[in-house]
N, C-alpha and C. Protein backbone atom coordinates (compact mmCIF):
# COMPACT_ATOMS: atom_id res chain seq x y z
N MET A 1 33.15 81.99 79.83
CA MET A 1 32.75 82.35 78.49
C MET A 1 33.62 83.52 78.01
N LYS A 2 34.20 83.38 76.84
CA LYS A 2 35.06 84.42 76.28
C LYS A 2 34.21 85.51 75.65
N GLN A 3 34.54 86.76 75.99
CA GLN A 3 33.80 87.89 75.45
C GLN A 3 34.46 88.36 74.16
N VAL A 4 33.69 88.52 73.11
CA VAL A 4 34.20 88.98 71.82
C VAL A 4 33.99 90.49 71.74
N VAL A 5 35.06 91.20 71.38
CA VAL A 5 34.99 92.65 71.27
C VAL A 5 35.22 93.03 69.82
N ASP A 6 34.35 93.82 69.27
CA ASP A 6 34.50 94.31 67.91
C ASP A 6 35.47 95.48 67.94
N CYS A 7 36.71 95.21 67.48
CA CYS A 7 37.73 96.25 67.60
C CYS A 7 37.49 97.42 66.65
N CYS A 8 36.79 97.19 65.57
CA CYS A 8 36.50 98.32 64.68
C CYS A 8 35.57 99.32 65.35
N SER A 9 34.65 98.82 66.19
CA SER A 9 33.79 99.75 66.92
C SER A 9 34.59 100.45 68.01
N LEU A 10 35.63 99.78 68.55
CA LEU A 10 36.51 100.44 69.52
C LEU A 10 37.23 101.61 68.85
N ALA A 11 37.75 101.38 67.65
CA ALA A 11 38.46 102.43 66.94
C ALA A 11 37.53 103.61 66.65
N ALA A 12 36.31 103.30 66.25
CA ALA A 12 35.36 104.37 65.92
C ALA A 12 34.96 105.18 67.14
N SER A 13 35.09 104.59 68.34
CA SER A 13 34.69 105.30 69.54
C SER A 13 35.75 106.27 70.04
N ARG A 14 36.94 106.22 69.48
CA ARG A 14 37.99 107.15 69.91
C ARG A 14 37.62 108.56 69.48
N GLN A 15 37.82 109.49 70.38
CA GLN A 15 37.46 110.88 70.12
C GLN A 15 38.56 111.56 69.31
N ARG A 16 38.19 112.13 68.17
CA ARG A 16 39.17 112.76 67.28
C ARG A 16 39.20 114.29 67.42
N GLU A 17 38.27 114.88 68.16
CA GLU A 17 38.20 116.34 68.25
C GLU A 17 37.86 116.76 69.66
N THR A 18 38.48 117.85 70.09
CA THR A 18 38.21 118.41 71.41
C THR A 18 38.03 119.92 71.25
N VAL A 19 37.03 120.47 71.92
CA VAL A 19 36.77 121.90 71.87
C VAL A 19 36.69 122.42 73.30
N PHE A 20 37.39 123.53 73.57
CA PHE A 20 37.20 124.20 74.85
C PHE A 20 37.37 125.69 74.68
N VAL A 21 36.91 126.43 75.65
CA VAL A 21 36.89 127.89 75.56
C VAL A 21 37.70 128.50 76.70
N GLU A 22 38.48 129.50 76.36
CA GLU A 22 39.26 130.28 77.33
C GLU A 22 38.83 131.73 77.23
N MET A 23 38.75 132.37 78.35
CA MET A 23 38.47 133.81 78.39
C MET A 23 39.81 134.52 78.49
N VAL A 24 40.02 135.60 77.74
CA VAL A 24 41.28 136.34 77.81
C VAL A 24 41.17 137.39 78.90
N PHE A 25 41.91 137.14 79.99
CA PHE A 25 41.93 138.02 81.15
C PHE A 25 43.19 138.88 81.14
N PRO A 26 43.24 139.93 81.95
CA PRO A 26 44.39 140.85 81.95
C PRO A 26 45.75 140.17 82.19
N ASP A 27 45.79 139.12 83.01
CA ASP A 27 47.08 138.48 83.28
C ASP A 27 47.62 137.71 82.08
N GLN A 28 46.81 137.54 81.02
CA GLN A 28 47.25 136.85 79.81
C GLN A 28 47.57 137.83 78.68
N ALA A 29 47.33 139.11 78.91
CA ALA A 29 47.46 140.11 77.86
C ALA A 29 48.82 140.81 77.92
N ASN A 30 49.22 141.36 76.78
CA ASN A 30 50.44 142.16 76.71
C ASN A 30 50.08 143.64 76.90
N HIS A 31 51.06 144.51 76.69
CA HIS A 31 50.84 145.94 76.89
C HIS A 31 49.96 146.57 75.80
N TYR A 32 49.61 145.80 74.77
CA TYR A 32 48.71 146.29 73.73
C TYR A 32 47.25 145.93 74.04
N GLY A 33 47.03 145.17 75.11
CA GLY A 33 45.68 144.75 75.46
C GLY A 33 45.19 143.56 74.65
N THR A 34 46.15 142.77 74.14
CA THR A 34 45.81 141.57 73.38
C THR A 34 46.53 140.36 74.00
N LEU A 35 46.05 139.18 73.65
CA LEU A 35 46.63 137.95 74.17
C LEU A 35 48.11 137.88 73.84
N TYR A 36 48.93 137.74 74.86
CA TYR A 36 50.38 137.63 74.70
C TYR A 36 50.70 136.38 73.89
N GLY A 37 51.63 136.47 72.94
CA GLY A 37 51.96 135.36 72.05
C GLY A 37 52.38 134.09 72.79
N GLY A 38 53.14 134.25 73.87
CA GLY A 38 53.56 133.08 74.65
C GLY A 38 52.38 132.36 75.28
N ASN A 39 51.41 133.13 75.75
CA ASN A 39 50.20 132.52 76.32
C ASN A 39 49.37 131.85 75.23
N ALA A 40 49.33 132.45 74.05
CA ALA A 40 48.60 131.84 72.93
C ALA A 40 49.24 130.51 72.56
N LEU A 41 50.58 130.46 72.51
CA LEU A 41 51.28 129.21 72.21
C LEU A 41 50.99 128.15 73.27
N SER A 42 50.95 128.57 74.53
CA SER A 42 50.64 127.66 75.62
C SER A 42 49.24 127.07 75.46
N LEU A 43 48.28 127.92 75.11
CA LEU A 43 46.90 127.44 74.92
C LEU A 43 46.80 126.48 73.74
N LEU A 44 47.49 126.79 72.64
CA LEU A 44 47.51 125.88 71.49
C LEU A 44 48.10 124.53 71.88
N GLY A 45 49.22 124.57 72.62
CA GLY A 45 49.86 123.33 73.06
C GLY A 45 48.98 122.53 74.00
N LYS A 46 48.28 123.22 74.87
CA LYS A 46 47.35 122.55 75.79
C LYS A 46 46.23 121.86 75.02
N ALA A 47 45.69 122.54 74.02
CA ALA A 47 44.63 121.95 73.21
C ALA A 47 45.14 120.72 72.46
N ALA A 48 46.36 120.80 71.92
CA ALA A 48 46.95 119.65 71.22
C ALA A 48 47.15 118.49 72.18
N PHE A 49 47.65 118.77 73.38
CA PHE A 49 47.88 117.73 74.39
C PHE A 49 46.57 117.05 74.79
N VAL A 50 45.54 117.83 75.09
CA VAL A 50 44.27 117.25 75.51
C VAL A 50 43.66 116.42 74.39
N THR A 51 43.70 116.93 73.16
CA THR A 51 43.15 116.20 72.02
C THR A 51 43.88 114.87 71.82
N ALA A 52 45.21 114.90 71.84
CA ALA A 52 46.00 113.68 71.63
C ALA A 52 45.80 112.69 72.76
N THR A 53 45.75 113.16 74.00
CA THR A 53 45.56 112.28 75.15
C THR A 53 44.20 111.61 75.10
N ARG A 54 43.17 112.37 74.76
CA ARG A 54 41.83 111.78 74.68
C ARG A 54 41.74 110.73 73.58
N PHE A 55 42.48 110.94 72.50
CA PHE A 55 42.46 109.96 71.42
C PHE A 55 43.29 108.72 71.78
N ALA A 56 44.53 108.92 72.23
CA ALA A 56 45.44 107.80 72.49
C ALA A 56 45.12 107.06 73.78
N ARG A 57 44.49 107.76 74.74
CA ARG A 57 44.17 107.19 76.06
C ARG A 57 45.42 106.68 76.78
N CYS A 58 46.51 107.44 76.63
CA CYS A 58 47.75 107.15 77.34
C CYS A 58 48.55 108.46 77.40
N ALA A 59 49.70 108.40 78.04
CA ALA A 59 50.55 109.59 78.16
C ALA A 59 51.05 110.01 76.77
N VAL A 60 51.08 111.31 76.53
CA VAL A 60 51.62 111.83 75.27
C VAL A 60 52.54 113.00 75.59
N VAL A 61 53.48 113.24 74.67
CA VAL A 61 54.37 114.38 74.77
C VAL A 61 54.40 115.09 73.41
N MET A 62 54.76 116.36 73.42
CA MET A 62 54.88 117.11 72.18
C MET A 62 56.28 116.91 71.62
N ALA A 63 56.34 116.51 70.36
CA ALA A 63 57.63 116.30 69.70
C ALA A 63 58.00 117.50 68.82
N ALA A 64 56.99 118.18 68.28
CA ALA A 64 57.27 119.32 67.40
C ALA A 64 56.02 120.18 67.25
N SER A 65 56.26 121.43 66.93
CA SER A 65 55.17 122.32 66.55
C SER A 65 55.58 122.95 65.23
N GLU A 66 54.59 123.20 64.40
CA GLU A 66 54.89 123.79 63.10
C GLU A 66 53.73 124.67 62.65
N ARG A 67 54.02 125.55 61.77
CA ARG A 67 53.01 126.40 61.16
C ARG A 67 52.07 127.05 62.15
N VAL A 68 52.63 127.61 63.20
CA VAL A 68 51.79 128.38 64.11
C VAL A 68 51.59 129.76 63.48
N GLU A 69 50.33 130.14 63.34
CA GLU A 69 50.02 131.42 62.72
C GLU A 69 49.10 132.23 63.62
N PHE A 70 49.44 133.49 63.77
CA PHE A 70 48.60 134.45 64.50
C PHE A 70 47.95 135.33 63.44
N GLN A 71 46.69 135.07 63.15
CA GLN A 71 46.03 135.76 62.05
C GLN A 71 45.52 137.14 62.45
N VAL A 72 44.89 137.24 63.62
CA VAL A 72 44.43 138.52 64.14
C VAL A 72 44.67 138.52 65.65
N PRO A 73 44.87 139.69 66.26
CA PRO A 73 45.04 139.72 67.72
C PRO A 73 43.75 139.31 68.43
N VAL A 74 43.92 138.60 69.54
CA VAL A 74 42.78 138.25 70.40
C VAL A 74 42.77 139.29 71.51
N LYS A 75 41.69 140.04 71.60
CA LYS A 75 41.63 141.17 72.52
C LYS A 75 41.24 140.76 73.93
N LEU A 76 41.69 141.54 74.87
CA LEU A 76 41.31 141.39 76.27
C LEU A 76 39.79 141.37 76.36
N GLY A 77 39.23 140.40 77.08
CA GLY A 77 37.78 140.29 77.24
C GLY A 77 37.10 139.44 76.19
N GLN A 78 37.83 139.03 75.16
CA GLN A 78 37.24 138.12 74.18
C GLN A 78 37.36 136.69 74.68
N MET A 79 36.49 135.83 74.16
CA MET A 79 36.61 134.40 74.40
C MET A 79 37.40 133.81 73.24
N LEU A 80 38.19 132.79 73.54
CA LEU A 80 38.95 132.10 72.52
C LEU A 80 38.50 130.64 72.52
N GLU A 81 37.85 130.23 71.45
CA GLU A 81 37.40 128.85 71.31
C GLU A 81 38.48 128.07 70.57
N LEU A 82 39.05 127.08 71.24
CA LEU A 82 40.12 126.27 70.66
C LEU A 82 39.57 124.91 70.27
N THR A 83 39.84 124.51 69.04
CA THR A 83 39.41 123.21 68.56
C THR A 83 40.64 122.43 68.11
N GLY A 84 40.87 121.29 68.77
CA GLY A 84 41.96 120.40 68.38
C GLY A 84 41.38 119.23 67.62
N ARG A 85 42.01 118.85 66.51
CA ARG A 85 41.52 117.76 65.68
C ARG A 85 42.68 116.87 65.26
N ILE A 86 42.49 115.56 65.41
CA ILE A 86 43.50 114.60 64.98
C ILE A 86 43.50 114.59 63.45
N ALA A 87 44.63 114.97 62.85
CA ALA A 87 44.72 115.05 61.39
C ALA A 87 45.45 113.85 60.80
N ARG A 88 46.34 113.22 61.57
CA ARG A 88 47.11 112.08 61.08
C ARG A 88 47.43 111.18 62.25
N ILE A 89 47.38 109.87 62.00
CA ILE A 89 47.72 108.90 63.03
C ILE A 89 48.81 107.99 62.48
N GLY A 90 49.92 107.92 63.21
CA GLY A 90 50.99 107.01 62.85
C GLY A 90 51.05 105.88 63.86
N ARG A 91 52.16 105.14 63.88
CA ARG A 91 52.30 104.03 64.81
C ARG A 91 52.31 104.52 66.25
N SER A 92 53.13 105.54 66.53
CA SER A 92 53.21 106.06 67.90
C SER A 92 53.00 107.57 67.95
N SER A 93 52.83 108.18 66.81
CA SER A 93 52.67 109.64 66.78
C SER A 93 51.38 110.02 66.09
N MET A 94 50.98 111.24 66.31
CA MET A 94 49.80 111.78 65.64
C MET A 94 50.00 113.27 65.43
N THR A 95 49.39 113.78 64.39
CA THR A 95 49.41 115.21 64.10
C THR A 95 48.09 115.78 64.58
N VAL A 96 48.17 116.85 65.37
CA VAL A 96 46.99 117.51 65.87
C VAL A 96 46.97 118.93 65.31
N GLU A 97 45.89 119.28 64.65
CA GLU A 97 45.69 120.64 64.16
C GLU A 97 44.80 121.36 65.16
N VAL A 98 45.22 122.56 65.55
CA VAL A 98 44.45 123.35 66.51
C VAL A 98 44.12 124.69 65.87
N THR A 99 42.85 125.07 65.96
CA THR A 99 42.42 126.39 65.49
C THR A 99 41.83 127.15 66.67
N GLY A 100 41.99 128.45 66.62
CA GLY A 100 41.42 129.32 67.65
C GLY A 100 40.55 130.38 67.03
N VAL A 101 39.32 130.47 67.51
CA VAL A 101 38.38 131.48 67.02
C VAL A 101 38.09 132.45 68.16
N ALA A 102 38.34 133.74 67.90
CA ALA A 102 38.07 134.78 68.90
C ALA A 102 36.61 135.20 68.77
N GLU A 103 35.95 135.33 69.92
CA GLU A 103 34.55 135.73 69.94
C GLU A 103 34.36 136.92 70.86
N THR A 104 33.74 137.95 70.34
CA THR A 104 33.41 139.13 71.14
C THR A 104 32.08 138.87 71.82
N LEU A 105 32.04 139.02 73.13
CA LEU A 105 30.83 138.67 73.87
C LEU A 105 29.61 139.50 73.46
N PRO A 106 29.69 140.84 73.50
CA PRO A 106 28.51 141.57 73.03
C PRO A 106 28.36 141.38 71.52
N GLY A 107 27.29 140.82 71.09
CA GLY A 107 27.04 140.63 69.66
C GLY A 107 27.48 139.29 69.12
N GLY A 108 28.47 138.65 69.73
CA GLY A 108 28.90 137.32 69.31
C GLY A 108 29.70 137.24 68.03
N ALA A 109 30.30 138.36 67.59
CA ALA A 109 31.12 138.31 66.38
C ALA A 109 32.28 137.34 66.57
N ARG A 110 32.54 136.50 65.55
CA ARG A 110 33.59 135.48 65.63
C ARG A 110 34.55 135.66 64.45
N ILE A 111 35.85 135.44 64.73
CA ILE A 111 36.86 135.55 63.68
C ILE A 111 37.97 134.55 63.95
N ASN A 112 38.46 133.89 62.88
CA ASN A 112 39.60 132.99 63.02
C ASN A 112 40.81 133.81 63.47
N ALA A 113 41.42 133.39 64.56
CA ALA A 113 42.50 134.20 65.15
C ALA A 113 43.86 133.54 65.10
N LEU A 114 43.93 132.23 65.32
CA LEU A 114 45.22 131.56 65.34
C LEU A 114 45.06 130.09 65.02
N GLN A 115 46.18 129.48 64.63
CA GLN A 115 46.16 128.05 64.32
C GLN A 115 47.58 127.50 64.40
N GLY A 116 47.67 126.19 64.56
CA GLY A 116 48.96 125.54 64.59
C GLY A 116 48.82 124.04 64.41
N ARG A 117 49.94 123.40 64.06
CA ARG A 117 50.00 121.94 63.91
C ARG A 117 51.06 121.43 64.89
N PHE A 118 50.73 120.32 65.53
CA PHE A 118 51.60 119.77 66.55
C PHE A 118 51.77 118.27 66.35
N GLU A 119 53.01 117.80 66.48
CA GLU A 119 53.28 116.36 66.46
C GLU A 119 53.33 115.89 67.89
N MET A 120 52.45 114.96 68.22
CA MET A 120 52.36 114.41 69.56
C MET A 120 52.73 112.93 69.50
N VAL A 121 53.46 112.46 70.53
CA VAL A 121 53.91 111.08 70.55
C VAL A 121 53.39 110.40 71.81
N ALA A 122 52.81 109.21 71.64
CA ALA A 122 52.37 108.41 72.77
C ALA A 122 53.60 107.76 73.40
N VAL A 123 53.68 107.80 74.74
CA VAL A 123 54.84 107.25 75.43
C VAL A 123 54.42 106.30 76.54
N ASP A 124 55.35 105.39 76.87
CA ASP A 124 55.09 104.45 77.97
C ASP A 124 55.60 105.06 79.28
N GLY A 125 55.63 104.26 80.33
CA GLY A 125 56.04 104.73 81.65
C GLY A 125 57.47 105.22 81.74
N GLU A 126 58.31 104.79 80.80
CA GLU A 126 59.71 105.25 80.78
C GLU A 126 59.95 106.36 79.77
N GLY A 127 58.87 106.85 79.16
CA GLY A 127 59.00 107.95 78.21
C GLY A 127 59.39 107.52 76.81
N ARG A 128 59.32 106.23 76.51
CA ARG A 128 59.65 105.73 75.17
C ARG A 128 58.37 105.65 74.34
N PRO A 129 58.50 105.87 73.03
CA PRO A 129 57.32 105.78 72.17
C PRO A 129 56.64 104.43 72.29
N ARG A 130 55.30 104.45 72.27
CA ARG A 130 54.50 103.23 72.30
C ARG A 130 53.44 103.30 71.22
N THR A 131 52.92 102.16 70.81
CA THR A 131 51.92 102.16 69.75
C THR A 131 50.61 102.76 70.26
N ILE A 132 49.92 103.41 69.35
CA ILE A 132 48.65 104.05 69.69
C ILE A 132 47.49 103.10 69.42
N LEU A 133 47.48 102.49 68.25
CA LEU A 133 46.38 101.61 67.85
C LEU A 133 46.83 100.16 67.89
N ASP A 134 45.94 99.26 68.27
CA ASP A 134 46.30 97.85 68.20
C ASP A 134 46.18 97.39 66.74
N GLU A 135 46.57 96.15 66.45
CA GLU A 135 46.60 95.66 65.07
C GLU A 135 45.24 95.74 64.38
N CYS A 136 44.21 95.39 65.08
CA CYS A 136 42.87 95.40 64.47
C CYS A 136 42.45 96.83 64.12
N GLU A 137 42.71 97.77 65.03
CA GLU A 137 42.35 99.16 64.75
C GLU A 137 43.15 99.69 63.57
N ALA A 138 44.46 99.37 63.55
CA ALA A 138 45.32 99.87 62.49
C ALA A 138 44.95 99.30 61.13
N SER A 139 44.38 98.11 61.09
CA SER A 139 44.01 97.49 59.81
C SER A 139 42.65 97.97 59.32
N SER A 140 41.89 98.64 60.14
CA SER A 140 40.57 99.10 59.72
C SER A 140 40.71 100.34 58.85
N ASP A 141 39.61 100.75 58.24
CA ASP A 141 39.64 101.95 57.41
C ASP A 141 39.53 103.21 58.25
N TYR A 142 39.64 103.07 59.56
CA TYR A 142 39.52 104.20 60.47
C TYR A 142 40.60 105.24 60.24
N LEU A 143 41.81 104.81 59.88
CA LEU A 143 42.92 105.75 59.70
C LEU A 143 42.65 106.74 58.58
N ALA A 144 41.83 106.35 57.62
CA ALA A 144 41.55 107.24 56.50
C ALA A 144 40.53 108.31 56.83
N ALA A 145 39.83 108.16 57.93
CA ALA A 145 38.76 109.11 58.30
C ALA A 145 39.29 110.48 58.59
C-alpha cells in the first residue's frame, strides 16, 4: 500500500527559528570586560548555522555575512540570548537574521545588543549547492510566511 504524504504539512513542520543562551565568561571578554567582537561574530555565525541546518535538514555553509551591528557592549557575567530566524528561502540558499539580547542576571534587565544577517547555502556531499525545498514545498504558500 502506497503511503500518501501531505507535503504542505511537511513544509509547515520545518523549524524557522532557533533560540539559545550563552553566558559571557572571562575567556570570551576583552580588556574592557566586555564580549570580544571576534567571539560575538563567532556566536552570531553559530546561531545562523544552527538555524539554517535545522531548517534545511542537511549540511549548510556560510556564503556571506552582512549588516553585523554591535549596538551595546555585552558585559562579563551577562547572558546573551541569541535568536536566529529564517528571513528568506531561495532554491539553495537562505537568509538568516540573528539578534542578540544581553540580560543582566540580578534583576533580569534585557537590552538589544547585537544583530546580523547571514546568507547560508545548503550543500551536498561534495560541497555543491543543493535544493532546500522539494517541488511541492516550493509551490506552497509557505515561502511567504
